[in-house]
Amino acid sequence: MPDKTAKTAAKATGSKATASKVAPKTPFKATAPKAVVAPKASVAAPKAAVVAPKAAVVAPKAAAPRVEEPKKVLTQRQGFKTNEFVVYPAHGVGQILAIEEQEIAGARLELFVINFMKDKMTLRVPTAKVANVGMRKLSDPALVKKALETLKGRARVKRTMWSRRAQEYEAKINSGDIVAIAEVVRDLYRSESQPEQSYSERQLYEAALDRLSREIAVVQHSTETEAVKEIESQLAKSPRRGAKTEGSAEAEGEGDDADAEGDDAAVADEAA
């Protein structure tokens, strides 16, 4: 009997131990899946955060074409401005139509666009080169008055070959100096009492007269015709070479014509 009782007690104890081993498995299986789901939800959050920067990167691409700035409308450079009249030594009085930028040989250059209406010509001059080419503003009224006073002086004609004098006159005309141009007009002017000019003399005289009258007209806000009349009235007041004896005046005129013909003959020989 004691052995049976002990066996029964052992069985009871074994069944309790088995029950105690099985019991913990049930709560572990039930709680394990719930603990694993939480990290999955937390992993998805960073993916949403990564998408935001992509949207921010797209905005600059859409604005990229607008970065190109429109061409600047330049109105003033080197003291010169648009619509201003200037003197370009080689061509006389012109008007600045615009100041623009152009790319030439891979370099950006600022250019003055100058229109010479009478010559029907447009010239583009780099703004950095205006000092080298001698471009200047119009003469002030005081300087114009000095040029007109120069016309009343006595003509100064050097006793040299006409070809050399012609080069000097041409250099004065292309210097852009209004007083120097007035000197050419004074020296080459011929009154009715004087012998006629040679062809080359007449050309230089008309070129100098044109440069001088155009600048005076713009400065005084008059027409070129009025400016020419004013120049001729000043020339009429000067002591002309006609005051010399008629014979000496004719001899001088013949000498000029002979020099001019000699120059033409030299040019013909070179061409041959």
Protein backbone atom coordinates (compact mmCIF):
# COMPACT_ATOMS: atom_id res chain seq x y z
CA MET A 1 0.00 0.00 0.00
CA PRO A 2 2.71 2.54 0.79
CA ASP A 3 4.29 1.86 -2.65
CA LYS A 4 1.04 2.54 -4.50
CA THR A 5 0.54 5.73 -2.60
CA ALA A 6 4.04 6.89 -3.48
CA LYS A 7 3.52 6.06 -7.17
CA THR A 8 0.25 7.94 -7.23
CA ALA A 9 1.90 10.94 -5.63
CA ALA A 10 4.75 10.74 -8.14
CA LYS A 11 2.30 10.66 -11.06
CA ALA A 12 0.48 13.63 -9.68
CA THR A 13 3.74 15.50 -9.24
CA GLY A 14 4.83 14.59 -12.83
CA SER A 15 1.57 15.79 -14.29
CA LYS A 16 1.96 19.13 -12.44
CA ALA A 17 5.48 19.49 -13.74
CA THR A 18 4.27 18.80 -17.28
CA ALA A 19 1.51 21.30 -16.89
CA SER A 20 3.99 23.85 -15.63
CA LYS A 21 6.25 23.27 -18.73
CA VAL A 22 3.37 23.65 -21.17
CA ALA A 23 1.92 26.76 -19.57
CA PRO A 24 4.80 29.14 -20.36
CA LYS A 25 4.75 28.24 -24.11
CA THR A 26 1.30 29.68 -24.66
CA PRO A 27 2.01 33.25 -23.42
CA PHE A 28 5.41 33.34 -25.27
CA LYS A 29 3.80 32.45 -28.64
CA ALA A 30 1.03 35.00 -28.12
CA THR A 31 3.28 37.94 -27.25
CA ALA A 32 6.12 37.20 -29.75
CA PRO A 33 4.25 38.29 -32.95
CA LYS A 34 3.08 41.57 -31.35
CA ALA A 35 6.64 42.53 -30.39
CA VAL A 36 7.89 41.91 -34.00
CA VAL A 37 5.20 44.08 -35.71
CA ALA A 38 6.28 47.35 -33.98
CA PRO A 39 9.73 47.57 -35.68
CA LYS A 40 8.15 47.13 -39.17
CA ALA A 41 6.00 50.17 -38.64
CA SER A 42 8.99 52.19 -37.45
CA VAL A 43 11.05 51.19 -40.53
CA ALA A 44 8.43 52.59 -42.90
CA ALA A 45 8.77 56.10 -41.41
CA PRO A 46 12.30 56.71 -42.71
CA LYS A 47 11.18 55.80 -46.27
CA ALA A 48 8.65 58.63 -46.19
CA ALA A 49 11.33 60.97 -44.87
CA VAL A 50 13.67 60.08 -47.75
CA VAL A 51 11.08 61.06 -50.39
CA ALA A 52 10.86 64.69 -49.15
CA PRO A 53 14.36 65.71 -50.29
CA LYS A 54 13.59 64.45 -53.83
CA ALA A 55 10.70 66.88 -54.07
CA ALA A 56 12.99 69.67 -52.84
CA VAL A 57 15.61 68.88 -55.52
CA VAL A 58 13.07 69.22 -58.37
CA ALA A 59 12.34 72.91 -57.62
CA PRO A 60 15.76 74.28 -58.71
CA LYS A 61 15.54 72.37 -62.03
CA ALA A 62 12.29 74.11 -62.90
CA ALA A 63 13.83 77.51 -62.05
CA ALA A 64 17.09 76.85 -63.95
CA PRO A 65 16.02 78.43 -67.29
CA ARG A 66 15.13 81.67 -65.49
CA VAL A 67 18.71 82.05 -64.26
CA GLU A 68 19.67 83.44 -67.70
CA GLU A 69 19.55 87.18 -67.24
CA PRO A 70 18.28 89.29 -70.11
CA LYS A 71 20.84 91.39 -71.99
CA LYS A 72 21.66 94.50 -70.05
CA VAL A 73 20.62 97.71 -71.72
CA LEU A 74 23.73 99.82 -71.28
CA THR A 75 23.21 103.56 -71.44
CA GLN A 76 26.60 104.99 -70.46
CA ARG A 77 30.25 103.95 -70.75
CA GLN A 78 33.53 105.89 -70.63
CA GLY A 79 31.59 109.12 -70.14
CA PHE A 80 29.58 108.61 -73.34
CA LYS A 81 25.87 107.81 -73.40
CA THR A 82 23.28 106.73 -75.95
CA ASN A 83 21.78 109.32 -78.32
CA GLU A 84 24.80 111.55 -77.74
CA PHE A 85 26.64 113.17 -80.65
CA VAL A 86 30.38 112.50 -80.71
CA VAL A 87 33.33 113.19 -82.99
CA TYR A 88 35.12 110.19 -84.47
CA PRO A 89 38.33 111.60 -86.03
CA ALA A 90 38.32 109.49 -89.17
CA HIS A 91 34.64 110.11 -90.00
CA GLY A 92 33.55 113.28 -88.24
CA VAL A 93 30.35 113.80 -86.26
CA GLY A 94 28.22 110.74 -85.47
CA GLN A 95 25.51 109.73 -83.00
CA ILE A 96 25.70 106.86 -80.50
CA LEU A 97 22.62 104.73 -81.16
CA ALA A 98 23.32 102.08 -78.52
CA ILE A 99 25.90 100.48 -76.27
CA GLU A 100 25.74 96.72 -76.70
CA GLU A 101 27.58 93.56 -75.71
CA GLN A 102 28.80 91.03 -78.26
CA GLU A 103 30.86 87.85 -78.07
CA ILE A 104 33.79 88.00 -80.46
CA ALA A 105 36.37 85.20 -80.59
CA GLY A 106 35.10 83.85 -77.26
CA ALA A 107 35.46 87.19 -75.47
CA ARG A 108 32.67 89.53 -74.36
CA LEU A 109 33.07 93.06 -75.69
CA GLU A 110 31.13 96.25 -75.06
CA LEU A 111 30.67 98.28 -78.21
CA PHE A 112 29.49 101.76 -79.10
CA VAL A 113 27.13 101.63 -82.09
CA ILE A 114 27.74 104.94 -83.88
CA ASN A 115 25.67 106.12 -86.82
CA PHE A 116 26.98 108.60 -89.39
CA MET A 117 23.74 109.66 -91.01
CA LYS A 118 25.21 111.74 -93.82
CA ASP A 119 27.60 108.96 -94.85
CA LYS A 120 24.90 106.29 -94.33
CA MET A 121 27.34 104.27 -92.27
CA THR A 122 27.21 102.50 -88.88
CA LEU A 123 30.40 101.92 -86.93
CA ARG A 124 30.99 99.69 -83.88
CA VAL A 125 33.79 100.81 -81.59
CA PRO A 126 34.91 98.86 -78.46
CA THR A 127 34.30 101.02 -75.39
CA ALA A 128 37.81 100.27 -74.16
CA LYS A 129 39.36 101.65 -77.37
CA VAL A 130 37.76 105.10 -77.51
CA ALA A 131 40.89 106.78 -76.16
CA ASN A 132 43.11 105.03 -78.71
CA VAL A 133 40.97 106.03 -81.69
CA GLY A 134 40.58 109.60 -80.42
CA MET A 135 36.81 109.64 -80.13
CA ARG A 136 35.69 112.72 -78.21
CA LYS A 137 32.68 114.73 -77.18
CA LEU A 138 31.50 117.71 -79.17
CA SER A 139 33.47 120.91 -78.75
CA ASP A 140 32.07 123.42 -76.28
CA PRO A 141 30.81 126.80 -77.59
CA ALA A 142 34.03 128.54 -76.49
CA LEU A 143 36.16 126.21 -78.63
CA VAL A 144 33.82 126.64 -81.58
CA LYS A 145 34.21 130.40 -81.25
CA LYS A 146 38.00 129.97 -81.28
CA ALA A 147 37.77 127.93 -84.47
CA LEU A 148 35.67 130.63 -86.13
CA GLU A 149 38.22 133.25 -85.07
CA THR A 150 40.95 131.11 -86.65
CA LEU A 151 39.18 131.44 -90.00
CA LYS A 152 39.73 135.19 -89.94
CA GLY A 153 43.51 134.83 -89.71
CA ARG A 154 46.01 135.03 -92.54
CA ALA A 155 46.55 131.87 -94.55
CA ARG A 156 49.82 130.14 -93.77
CA VAL A 157 51.11 128.19 -96.74
CA LYS A 158 54.46 126.46 -96.52
CA ARG A 159 56.85 126.63 -99.46
CA THR A 160 57.10 122.88 -99.80
CA MET A 161 56.00 120.25 -102.31
CA TRP A 162 52.23 119.96 -102.61
CA SER A 163 52.35 116.23 -101.83
CA ARG A 164 53.90 116.96 -98.43
CA ARG A 165 51.47 119.76 -97.69
CA ALA A 166 48.56 117.53 -98.70
CA GLN A 167 49.67 114.91 -96.17
CA GLU A 168 49.83 117.54 -93.44
CA TYR A 169 46.38 118.85 -94.30
CA GLU A 170 44.92 115.35 -94.30
CA ALA A 171 46.51 114.59 -90.92
CA LYS A 172 44.91 117.73 -89.48
CA ILE A 173 41.49 116.80 -90.88
CA ASN A 174 41.68 113.29 -89.38
CA SER A 175 43.00 114.55 -86.04
CA GLY A 176 39.50 115.48 -84.91
CA ASP A 177 40.78 118.82 -83.57
CA ILE A 178 38.26 121.48 -84.60
CA VAL A 179 40.85 124.28 -84.53
CA ALA A 180 43.27 122.29 -86.72
CA ILE A 181 40.46 121.60 -89.19
CA ALA A 182 39.64 125.33 -89.23
CA GLU A 183 43.29 126.00 -90.13
CA VAL A 184 42.98 123.72 -93.17
CA VAL A 185 39.83 125.52 -94.28
CA ARG A 186 41.57 128.89 -93.85
CA ASP A 187 44.72 127.86 -95.73
CA LEU A 188 42.92 126.22 -98.67
CA TYR A 189 40.16 128.76 -99.10
CA ARG A 190 40.25 130.68 -102.37
CA SER A 191 38.25 133.85 -102.96
CA GLU A 192 36.91 134.88 -106.37
CA SER A 193 39.91 137.17 -106.88
CA GLN A 194 42.32 134.25 -106.48
CA PRO A 195 43.20 131.57 -108.99
CA GLU A 196 41.16 128.37 -108.99
CA GLN A 197 42.21 125.44 -106.86
CA SER A 198 43.64 122.25 -108.23
CA TYR A 199 41.46 119.12 -107.98
CA SER A 200 43.37 117.70 -104.98
CA GLU A 201 43.23 121.05 -103.18
CA ARG A 202 39.51 121.29 -103.74
CA GLN A 203 38.95 117.79 -102.36
CA LEU A 204 40.84 118.52 -99.14
CA TYR A 205 39.11 121.88 -98.74
CA GLU A 206 35.65 120.35 -99.08
CA ALA A 207 36.53 117.53 -96.66
CA ALA A 208 37.71 120.03 -94.04
CA LEU A 209 34.72 122.31 -94.63
CA ASP A 210 32.33 119.38 -94.23
CA ARG A 211 33.88 118.25 -90.93
CA LEU A 212 33.90 121.79 -89.54
CA SER A 213 30.36 122.72 -90.62
CA ARG A 214 28.82 119.51 -89.28
CA GLU A 215 30.26 119.98 -85.82
CA ILE A 216 29.36 123.69 -85.69
CA ALA A 217 25.81 122.85 -86.80
CA VAL A 218 25.32 120.28 -84.03
CA VAL A 219 26.85 122.49 -81.33
CA GLN A 220 24.82 125.56 -82.35
CA HIS A 221 21.65 123.55 -83.11
CA SER A 222 21.51 124.88 -86.65
CA THR A 223 21.61 123.37 -90.14
CA GLU A 224 24.78 122.60 -92.06
CA THR A 225 23.84 125.19 -94.67
CA GLU A 226 23.68 127.87 -92.00
CA ALA A 227 27.00 126.68 -90.57
CA VAL A 228 28.68 126.89 -94.00
CA LYS A 229 27.39 130.44 -94.47
CA GLU A 230 28.82 131.43 -91.09
CA ILE A 231 32.19 129.88 -91.98
CA GLU A 232 32.32 131.67 -95.32
CA SER A 233 31.42 134.99 -93.69
CA GLN A 234 34.37 134.57 -91.33
CA LEU A 235 36.69 133.64 -94.20
CA ALA A 236 35.64 136.80 -96.06
CA LYS A 237 37.01 138.87 -93.19
CA SER A 238 40.49 137.39 -93.45
CA PRO A 239 43.35 139.09 -95.33
CA ARG A 240 43.47 136.97 -98.44
CA ARG A 241 46.44 136.10 -100.57
CA GLY A 242 44.67 138.09 -103.30
CA ALA A 243 46.20 141.19 -101.71
CA LYS A 244 49.47 140.25 -103.42
CA THR A 245 50.20 141.25 -106.95
CA GLU A 246 48.22 139.40 -109.55
CA GLY A 247 51.35 137.95 -111.11
CA SER A 248 52.64 136.46 -107.86
CA ALA A 249 49.22 134.97 -107.09
CA GLU A 250 49.05 133.36 -110.51
CA ALA A 251 52.59 132.02 -110.14
CA GLU A 252 51.67 130.47 -106.82
CA GLY A 253 48.58 128.88 -108.27
CA GLU A 254 50.53 127.50 -111.21
CA GLY A 255 53.12 126.09 -108.82
CA ASP A 256 50.41 124.28 -106.87
CA ASP A 257 48.92 122.87 -110.06
CA ALA A 258 52.35 121.74 -111.25
CA ASP A 259 53.03 119.99 -107.96
CA ALA A 260 49.63 118.27 -108.11
CA GLU A 261 50.23 117.16 -111.71
CA GLY A 262 53.68 115.88 -110.73
CA ASP A 263 52.15 113.81 -107.95
CA ASP A 264 49.55 112.38 -110.35
CA ALA A 265 52.31 111.48 -112.83
CA ALA A 266 54.29 109.74 -110.06
CA VAL A 267 51.23 107.69 -109.12
CA ALA A 268 50.72 106.74 -112.78
CA ASP A 269 54.34 105.59 -113.05
CA GLU A 270 54.00 103.45 -109.95
CA ALA A 271 50.82 101.88 -111.30
CA ALA A 272 52.58 101.11 -114.59
